[in-house]
Amino acid sequence: MDMEHHISDRVDALTPSQTLAVSAKAKQLRAEGKDVIGLGAGEPDFDTPEHIKAAAVQALADGFTRYTPSGGIPELREAIAEKFYRDNRLRYSAKQIVVSCGGKHSCYNAVQALCNAGDEVIVPSPYWVSYPEIVSLASARTVILPTTIETDFKVTPEQLDKAINDRTRLLILNSPSNPTGTVYTPGEIRALADICVERGVYILSDDIYERILYDEARHCSPAVFSEKHYQRTVIVHGFAKAWSMTGWRLGFMAAPEPVAKAVDALQSHCTSNPTSFAQKGGLAALSGSMAHLDEWLKQFDRRRLSALERLRKMKGIRCNKPQGAYYLFPNISGTGLSSGEFCNRLLEEHLVAAVPGSAFGADDYIRLSYATDLESLETGLDRMADFLRDLNGNDPVPEP
């Protein structure tokens, strides 16, 4: 007997993740024996450092497998507060820290705690794929502020000020950025944060790529400028990127105490605590050596520069030099293809998986990740060059 199932409107309206769709198609081709090069990954290709894994193993051996406080064990919250003072010169108490099931979970919690139905959330594009969906699940409305390669994918103070109205509740700011690799300067952060403070708007600062920086780029939190900025800033962060702990699902938030208290209450009714032994791994990550990151950054940087040089020699492609994270976001409008068609053909015809820019609100672009070994990256770019030769009549060199 056929039965009609009624799915809630808020879930039915969600857009399926194009990043997961690309991964699924690539896995299918690999299962068929095809040699697919994956340049769509949003996670480091390095293993979690051994001292972090050992701490989780020890926690399991010690029987640390029961419920913890919903917002995280006290010693981890204290260690996170210490991290913010050590790295960012921001003073938070443990009561202002909430440990969650990943950085994405922290973003979700923050928007749920701050936004009512009908509120507006400003999101610069290109944006991380989940921001608009997280806003939608809070029954709020996403207001997109478009940026381009010509402005290095940065929102201007004038754009922001014009977009704010009586319904505006929140600005989501991600620097270093996924998918563009753009890093706002401290002065640029200050200009945007000043407007938010003046207009009574919260800033959700997604700092997950804080440590993945190149050249002279500096990370800056909007909370550092004054007490008023501090009271308007909610920082979301996590262990996924700088410690390669993506599958551990461990994130955290630092916020004014009333916001943190609200998020803790929300989380207590959703997930309860993050995984107990993963929290012990997080504690080891914050208290242990960061020596691994220096080597990772050297490898990321080598890949970044090599891939950028290759892309800039391809006809129909323009690409900015990213200053953070581990993505390139080339403009493909010169090829005459949409990002979806470009990525589908690149995968089907040349076995290279990339993510269409339409997933990030920018259909003239694609996202390439260099969180993969240099040999695979170079092979993938060789195949992309072949693809463009087919499109451009055997001439991969850009016209002057």
Protein backbone atom coordinates (compact mmCIF):
# COMPACT_ATOMS: atom_id res chain seq x y z
CA MET A 1 0.00 0.00 0.00
CA ASP A 2 1.33 3.42 -0.95
CA MET A 3 1.43 5.87 1.91
CA GLU A 4 1.89 9.63 1.63
CA HIS A 5 4.57 11.04 3.89
CA HIS A 6 4.35 14.63 5.07
CA ILE A 7 7.79 16.23 5.46
CA SER A 8 7.99 19.52 7.30
CA ASP A 9 8.21 22.62 5.12
CA ARG A 10 11.46 23.78 6.72
CA VAL A 11 13.22 20.52 5.88
CA ASP A 12 11.56 20.10 2.50
CA ALA A 13 12.87 23.55 1.50
CA LEU A 14 16.51 22.66 2.17
CA THR A 15 18.85 22.59 -0.82
CA PRO A 16 20.76 19.30 -1.13
CA SER A 17 24.49 19.73 -0.59
CA GLN A 18 26.30 19.95 -3.93
CA THR A 19 29.59 19.16 -2.21
CA LEU A 20 28.15 15.84 -1.03
CA ALA A 21 26.66 15.22 -4.47
CA VAL A 22 30.09 15.66 -6.08
CA SER A 23 31.62 13.30 -3.51
CA ALA A 24 28.94 10.70 -4.14
CA LYS A 25 29.44 10.81 -7.90
CA ALA A 26 33.22 10.57 -7.51
CA LYS A 27 32.82 7.56 -5.20
CA GLN A 28 30.54 5.89 -7.72
CA LEU A 29 33.11 6.33 -10.50
CA ARG A 30 35.87 4.98 -8.25
CA ALA A 31 33.70 1.97 -7.47
CA GLU A 32 33.52 1.38 -11.21
CA GLY A 33 37.33 1.25 -11.27
CA LYS A 34 37.90 4.79 -12.56
CA ASP A 35 40.98 6.76 -11.44
CA VAL A 36 39.24 9.84 -10.04
CA ILE A 37 41.27 12.76 -8.69
CA GLY A 38 39.37 14.46 -5.87
CA LEU A 39 39.86 18.22 -5.59
CA GLY A 40 36.61 18.80 -3.73
CA ALA A 41 37.69 17.87 -0.21
CA GLY A 42 37.01 20.28 2.63
CA GLU A 43 39.36 18.60 5.07
CA PRO A 44 43.13 18.31 5.48
CA ASP A 45 44.70 15.22 3.97
CA PHE A 46 46.90 14.81 7.06
CA ASP A 47 46.14 12.48 9.96
CA THR A 48 45.19 13.73 13.41
CA PRO A 49 48.42 14.17 15.43
CA GLU A 50 49.33 11.14 17.50
CA HIS A 51 49.18 12.81 20.93
CA ILE A 52 45.55 13.75 20.31
CA LYS A 53 44.57 10.23 19.27
CA ALA A 54 46.45 8.82 22.28
CA ALA A 55 44.47 11.05 24.65
CA ALA A 56 41.15 9.76 23.25
CA VAL A 57 42.37 6.16 23.42
CA GLN A 58 43.41 6.68 27.04
CA ALA A 59 40.03 8.23 27.82
CA LEU A 60 38.33 5.12 26.46
CA ALA A 61 40.66 2.87 28.47
CA ASP A 62 39.84 4.90 31.57
CA GLY A 63 36.12 4.45 31.01
CA PHE A 64 35.49 8.10 30.18
CA THR A 65 32.43 7.17 28.17
CA ARG A 66 29.50 8.65 30.08
CA TYR A 67 27.52 11.86 29.82
CA THR A 68 29.36 15.10 30.44
CA PRO A 69 27.91 18.59 31.01
CA SER A 70 26.00 19.54 27.84
CA GLY A 71 28.33 22.45 27.06
CA GLY A 72 31.53 20.45 27.52
CA ILE A 73 33.76 19.31 30.36
CA PRO A 74 35.00 22.18 32.57
CA GLU A 75 38.69 21.60 31.85
CA LEU A 76 38.13 21.80 28.08
CA ARG A 77 36.07 24.98 28.40
CA GLU A 78 38.86 26.48 30.53
CA ALA A 79 41.46 25.44 27.94
CA ILE A 80 39.43 27.06 25.16
CA ALA A 81 39.13 30.26 27.17
CA GLU A 82 42.91 30.19 27.64
CA LYS A 83 43.36 29.69 23.89
CA PHE A 84 41.37 32.84 23.17
CA TYR A 85 43.52 34.89 25.52
CA ARG A 86 46.78 33.36 24.30
CA ASP A 87 46.04 33.61 20.59
CA ASN A 88 43.57 36.48 20.33
CA ARG A 89 43.99 38.55 23.51
CA LEU A 90 40.32 38.02 24.28
CA ARG A 91 39.19 37.31 27.83
CA TYR A 92 36.42 34.76 28.16
CA SER A 93 35.36 32.78 31.21
CA ALA A 94 34.55 29.09 30.95
CA LYS A 95 30.86 30.06 31.30
CA GLN A 96 31.14 31.89 27.96
CA ILE A 97 32.38 28.80 26.13
CA VAL A 98 30.11 26.10 24.69
CA VAL A 99 31.64 22.96 23.20
CA SER A 100 29.57 21.44 20.41
CA CYS A 101 29.45 18.60 17.91
CA GLY A 102 31.53 20.49 15.34
CA GLY A 103 31.93 24.02 14.01
CA LYS A 104 28.80 23.59 11.89
CA HIS A 105 26.85 22.72 15.02
CA SER A 106 28.15 25.89 16.69
CA CYS A 107 26.95 27.96 13.72
CA TYR A 108 23.53 26.31 13.90
CA ASN A 109 23.29 26.86 17.65
CA ALA A 110 24.23 30.54 17.36
CA VAL A 111 21.65 31.31 14.67
CA GLN A 112 18.94 29.39 16.53
CA ALA A 113 19.71 31.28 19.73
CA LEU A 114 19.86 34.75 18.17
CA CYS A 115 17.23 34.78 15.41
CA ASN A 116 13.46 34.85 15.47
CA ALA A 117 11.16 34.11 12.55
CA GLY A 118 11.35 36.94 10.03
CA ASP A 119 14.73 38.24 11.20
CA GLU A 120 17.33 38.89 8.51
CA VAL A 121 20.87 37.52 8.42
CA ILE A 122 23.43 39.12 6.11
CA VAL A 123 25.65 36.60 4.34
CA PRO A 124 28.39 37.69 1.91
CA SER A 125 28.71 35.53 -1.18
CA PRO A 126 30.51 33.40 -2.10
CA TYR A 127 29.46 31.72 1.16
CA TRP A 128 29.98 28.39 2.82
CA VAL A 129 27.18 26.13 1.61
CA SER A 130 25.48 25.65 4.98
CA TYR A 131 25.01 29.28 6.04
CA PRO A 132 21.77 29.97 4.11
CA GLU A 133 20.32 26.60 5.11
CA ILE A 134 21.13 27.20 8.79
CA VAL A 135 19.41 30.58 8.56
CA SER A 136 16.39 29.01 6.88
CA LEU A 137 16.07 26.41 9.64
CA ALA A 138 15.73 29.27 12.14
CA SER A 139 12.81 30.65 10.04
CA ALA A 140 14.94 33.70 9.32
CA ARG A 141 15.78 35.21 5.93
CA THR A 142 19.20 35.28 4.27
CA VAL A 143 20.23 38.57 2.68
CA ILE A 144 23.05 37.92 0.22
CA LEU A 145 25.76 40.53 -0.34
CA PRO A 146 27.52 39.55 -3.60
CA THR A 147 31.26 40.04 -4.05
CA THR A 148 33.51 39.32 -7.03
CA ILE A 149 37.06 38.45 -7.93
CA GLU A 150 37.63 42.16 -8.69
CA THR A 151 37.04 43.08 -5.02
CA ASP A 152 38.96 40.02 -3.77
CA PHE A 153 35.60 38.67 -2.59
CA LYS A 154 35.31 41.26 0.20
CA VAL A 155 32.17 43.08 1.31
CA THR A 156 32.55 46.85 1.56
CA PRO A 157 31.30 48.90 4.53
CA GLU A 158 28.97 50.74 2.14
CA GLN A 159 27.40 47.45 1.01
CA LEU A 160 26.89 46.34 4.58
CA ASP A 161 25.44 49.61 5.82
CA LYS A 162 22.97 49.75 2.95
CA ALA A 163 21.79 46.17 3.61
CA ILE A 164 20.96 46.70 7.29
CA ASN A 165 17.39 47.50 8.30
CA ASP A 166 15.15 47.09 11.35
CA ARG A 167 14.89 43.33 10.77
CA THR A 168 18.65 42.71 10.52
CA ARG A 169 19.86 40.56 13.39
CA LEU A 170 23.17 39.11 12.32
CA LEU A 171 26.14 39.34 9.93
CA ILE A 172 27.99 36.09 9.21
CA LEU A 173 31.66 36.74 8.50
CA ASN A 174 34.11 33.98 7.58
CA SER A 175 37.77 34.98 7.39
CA PRO A 176 39.83 33.14 6.20
CA SER A 177 37.05 32.18 3.83
CA ASN A 178 35.68 28.96 2.53
CA PRO A 179 35.43 28.85 -0.50
CA THR A 180 37.62 31.79 -1.64
CA GLY A 181 40.62 31.78 0.71
CA THR A 182 40.12 35.53 1.20
CA VAL A 183 41.38 37.07 4.46
CA TYR A 184 40.08 40.44 5.60
CA THR A 185 42.70 42.79 7.06
CA PRO A 186 42.24 44.02 10.65
CA GLY A 187 41.27 47.43 9.27
CA GLU A 188 38.63 45.90 7.03
CA ILE A 189 37.24 43.84 9.91
CA ARG A 190 37.11 46.98 12.07
CA ALA A 191 35.19 48.95 9.43
CA LEU A 192 32.52 46.24 9.15
CA ALA A 193 32.36 45.65 12.90
CA ASP A 194 31.94 49.36 13.61
CA ILE A 195 28.83 49.43 11.43
CA CYS A 196 27.39 46.39 13.19
CA VAL A 197 27.96 47.95 16.60
CA GLU A 198 26.46 51.25 15.50
CA ARG A 199 23.39 49.57 13.99
CA GLY A 200 22.89 46.99 16.77
CA VAL A 201 23.69 43.93 14.69
CA TYR A 202 25.46 40.81 15.98
CA ILE A 203 28.49 39.41 14.15
CA LEU A 204 28.87 35.64 13.83
CA SER A 205 32.60 35.33 13.23
CA ASP A 206 33.41 31.89 11.78
CA ASP A 207 37.09 31.48 12.66
CA ILE A 208 37.51 27.80 11.78
CA TYR A 209 40.43 28.55 9.40
CA GLU A 210 42.14 30.95 11.82
CA ARG A 211 45.49 29.15 11.76
CA ILE A 212 45.59 28.39 8.01
CA LEU A 213 47.28 31.59 6.75
CA TYR A 214 49.97 32.45 4.19
CA ASP A 215 52.33 35.30 3.35
CA GLU A 216 51.66 38.29 5.62
CA ALA A 217 47.97 37.58 6.22
CA ARG A 218 46.70 38.05 9.78
CA HIS A 219 43.55 36.78 11.41
CA CYS A 220 41.56 39.31 13.42
CA SER A 221 38.45 38.87 15.54
CA PRO A 222 35.77 41.60 15.53
CA ALA A 223 35.62 41.23 19.33
CA VAL A 224 39.06 42.77 19.96
CA PHE A 225 38.33 46.42 19.23
CA SER A 226 36.25 47.46 22.25
CA GLU A 227 33.81 46.21 24.87
CA LYS A 228 30.93 47.11 22.55
CA HIS A 229 32.45 45.03 19.75
CA TYR A 230 33.04 42.18 22.22
CA GLN A 231 29.38 42.23 23.29
CA ARG A 232 28.20 42.05 19.68
CA THR A 233 30.49 39.20 18.58
CA VAL A 234 29.88 35.46 18.68
CA ILE A 235 32.91 33.41 17.63
CA VAL A 236 32.46 29.90 16.25
CA HIS A 237 35.50 27.67 15.91
CA GLY A 238 36.55 24.04 16.06
CA PHE A 239 39.25 21.41 15.91
CA ALA A 240 38.62 20.21 12.35
CA LYS A 241 41.12 22.22 10.33
CA ALA A 242 44.25 23.06 12.34
CA TRP A 243 44.32 19.63 13.98
CA SER A 244 42.73 17.55 11.17
CA MET A 245 39.92 16.34 13.43
CA THR A 246 37.03 16.62 10.97
CA GLY A 247 35.48 13.28 11.89
CA TRP A 248 35.78 13.89 15.62
CA ARG A 249 32.88 16.38 15.41
CA LEU A 250 34.18 18.80 18.00
CA GLY A 251 33.62 22.53 17.79
CA PHE A 252 33.24 25.42 20.19
CA MET A 253 31.79 28.88 20.61
CA ALA A 254 32.81 31.95 22.60
CA ALA A 255 30.08 34.50 23.22
CA PRO A 256 28.69 37.05 25.66
CA GLU A 257 27.44 35.12 28.67
CA PRO A 258 23.66 35.46 27.97
CA VAL A 259 24.20 34.09 24.45
CA ALA A 260 26.38 31.22 25.68
CA LYS A 261 23.80 30.37 28.35
CA ALA A 262 21.03 30.28 25.74
CA VAL A 263 23.09 28.07 23.42
CA ASP A 264 23.93 25.69 26.27
CA ALA A 265 20.23 25.38 27.08
CA LEU A 266 19.39 24.73 23.43
CA GLN A 267 22.12 22.12 23.08
CA SER A 268 20.97 20.32 26.23
CA HIS A 269 17.71 19.49 24.43
CA CYS A 270 19.28 18.62 21.05
CA THR A 271 22.51 16.65 21.28
CA SER A 272 23.35 16.87 24.97
CA ASN A 273 27.13 16.77 25.30
CA PRO A 274 29.72 16.34 22.55
CA THR A 275 31.34 12.89 22.56
CA SER A 276 33.10 12.42 25.89
CA PHE A 277 36.40 10.92 24.73
CA ALA A 278 36.59 13.32 21.75
CA GLN A 279 36.63 16.14 24.31
CA LYS A 280 39.72 14.61 25.90
CA GLY A 281 41.30 14.66 22.45
CA GLY A 282 40.39 18.34 22.13
CA LEU A 283 42.00 19.05 25.48
CA ALA A 284 45.20 17.36 24.27
CA ALA A 285 45.06 19.40 21.06
CA LEU A 286 44.95 22.70 22.95
CA SER A 287 47.55 21.76 25.55
CA GLY A 288 49.98 19.95 23.25
CA SER A 289 52.49 20.98 20.61
CA MET A 290 51.43 22.72 17.40
CA ALA A 291 54.62 21.67 15.62
CA HIS A 292 52.60 19.63 13.13
CA LEU A 293 50.97 22.76 11.76
CA ASP A 294 54.22 24.33 10.57
CA GLU A 295 54.86 21.36 8.31
CA TRP A 296 51.26 21.26 7.12
CA LEU A 297 51.35 24.94 6.22
CA LYS A 298 54.58 24.48 4.26
CA GLN A 299 52.94 21.75 2.21
CA PHE A 300 49.70 23.69 1.78
CA ASP A 301 51.65 26.75 0.65
CA ARG A 302 53.69 24.78 -1.88
CA ARG A 303 50.51 23.34 -3.34
CA ARG A 304 48.76 26.73 -3.31
CA LEU A 305 51.50 28.45 -5.31
CA SER A 306 51.97 25.56 -7.72
CA ALA A 307 48.25 25.29 -8.46
CA LEU A 308 47.82 29.05 -8.79
CA GLU A 309 50.64 29.23 -11.35
CA ARG A 310 49.07 26.41 -13.34
CA LEU A 311 45.57 27.93 -13.28
CA ARG A 312 46.77 31.32 -14.44
CA LYS A 313 48.14 29.70 -17.61
CA MET A 314 44.78 28.20 -18.55
CA LYS A 315 42.65 29.96 -21.11
CA GLY A 316 39.28 31.16 -19.86
CA ILE A 317 40.39 30.98 -16.21
CA ARG A 318 41.08 33.83 -13.79
CA CYS A 319 42.15 33.19 -10.20
CA ASN A 320 43.01 35.34 -7.20
CA LYS A 321 45.81 34.42 -4.85
CA PRO A 322 44.20 33.04 -1.68
CA GLN A 323 45.65 34.17 1.63
CA GLY A 324 44.13 31.51 3.86
CA ALA A 325 42.34 28.15 4.13
CA TYR A 326 43.18 25.57 1.41
CA TYR A 327 40.97 26.44 -1.52
CA LEU A 328 41.32 28.14 -4.90
CA PHE A 329 38.24 29.77 -6.37
CA PRO A 330 38.92 30.34 -10.07
CA ASN A 331 36.53 32.27 -12.27
CA ILE A 332 35.47 30.07 -15.22
CA SER A 333 33.13 32.53 -16.97
CA GLY A 334 35.60 32.74 -19.87
CA THR A 335 34.84 29.11 -20.75
CA GLY A 336 31.19 29.81 -21.52
CA LEU A 337 30.06 27.04 -19.16
CA SER A 338 28.04 27.22 -15.97
CA SER A 339 29.83 25.92 -12.92
CA GLY A 340 27.58 22.87 -12.80
CA GLU A 341 28.20 21.95 -16.42
CA PHE A 342 31.93 22.63 -16.04
CA CYS A 343 32.26 20.35 -13.01
CA ASN A 344 30.05 17.62 -14.42
CA ARG A 345 32.02 17.44 -17.63
CA LEU A 346 35.36 17.71 -15.82
CA LEU A 347 34.39 14.72 -13.68
CA GLU A 348 32.76 12.60 -16.39
CA GLU A 349 35.23 13.31 -19.20
CA HIS A 350 38.51 13.78 -17.29
CA LEU A 351 37.83 12.19 -13.88
CA VAL A 352 38.53 15.26 -11.74
CA ALA A 353 36.11 16.15 -8.95
CA ALA A 354 35.64 19.86 -8.18
CA VAL A 355 32.74 21.74 -6.58
CA PRO A 356 30.57 24.07 -8.68
CA GLY A 357 30.53 27.67 -7.53
CA SER A 358 26.74 27.64 -7.62
CA ALA A 359 26.92 25.71 -4.33
CA PHE A 360 28.48 28.84 -2.82
CA GLY A 361 26.22 31.34 -4.53
CA ALA A 362 28.68 32.14 -7.33
CA ASP A 363 27.97 30.33 -10.60
CA ASP A 364 30.92 31.88 -12.49
CA TYR A 365 33.40 30.00 -10.29
CA ILE A 366 34.47 26.55 -9.15
CA ARG A 367 36.15 25.51 -5.91
CA LEU A 368 39.34 23.49 -6.02
CA SER A 369 40.85 22.15 -2.80
CA TYR A 370 44.58 21.71 -2.41
CA ALA A 371 44.10 19.62 0.71
CA THR A 372 45.48 16.69 -1.23
CA ASP A 373 48.98 15.49 -2.05
CA LEU A 374 50.98 17.49 -4.60
CA GLU A 375 51.18 14.63 -7.11
CA SER A 376 47.39 14.20 -7.17
CA LEU A 377 46.91 17.96 -7.36
CA GLU A 378 49.26 18.25 -10.35
CA THR A 379 47.63 15.29 -12.09
CA GLY A 380 44.20 16.83 -11.54
CA LEU A 381 45.37 20.16 -12.99
CA ASP A 382 46.95 18.34 -15.98
CA ARG A 383 43.55 16.82 -16.68
CA MET A 384 41.80 20.16 -16.23
CA ALA A 385 44.24 21.68 -18.74
CA ASP A 386 43.37 18.89 -21.18
CA PHE A 387 39.68 19.61 -20.64
CA LEU A 388 40.22 23.30 -21.40
CA ARG A 389 42.24 22.45 -24.52
CA ASP A 390 39.23 20.51 -25.76
CA LEU A 391 37.01 23.52 -25.08
CA ASN A 392 39.42 26.11 -26.46
CA GLY A 393 40.73 24.39 -29.57
CA ASN A 394 44.03 23.09 -28.17
CA ASP A 395 45.22 26.47 -26.79
CA PRO A 396 45.51 26.42 -22.96
CA VAL A 397 47.34 29.77 -22.76
CA PRO A 398 45.23 32.82 -21.86
CA GLU A 399 44.90 35.58 -24.37
CA PRO A 400 46.68 38.83 -23.43
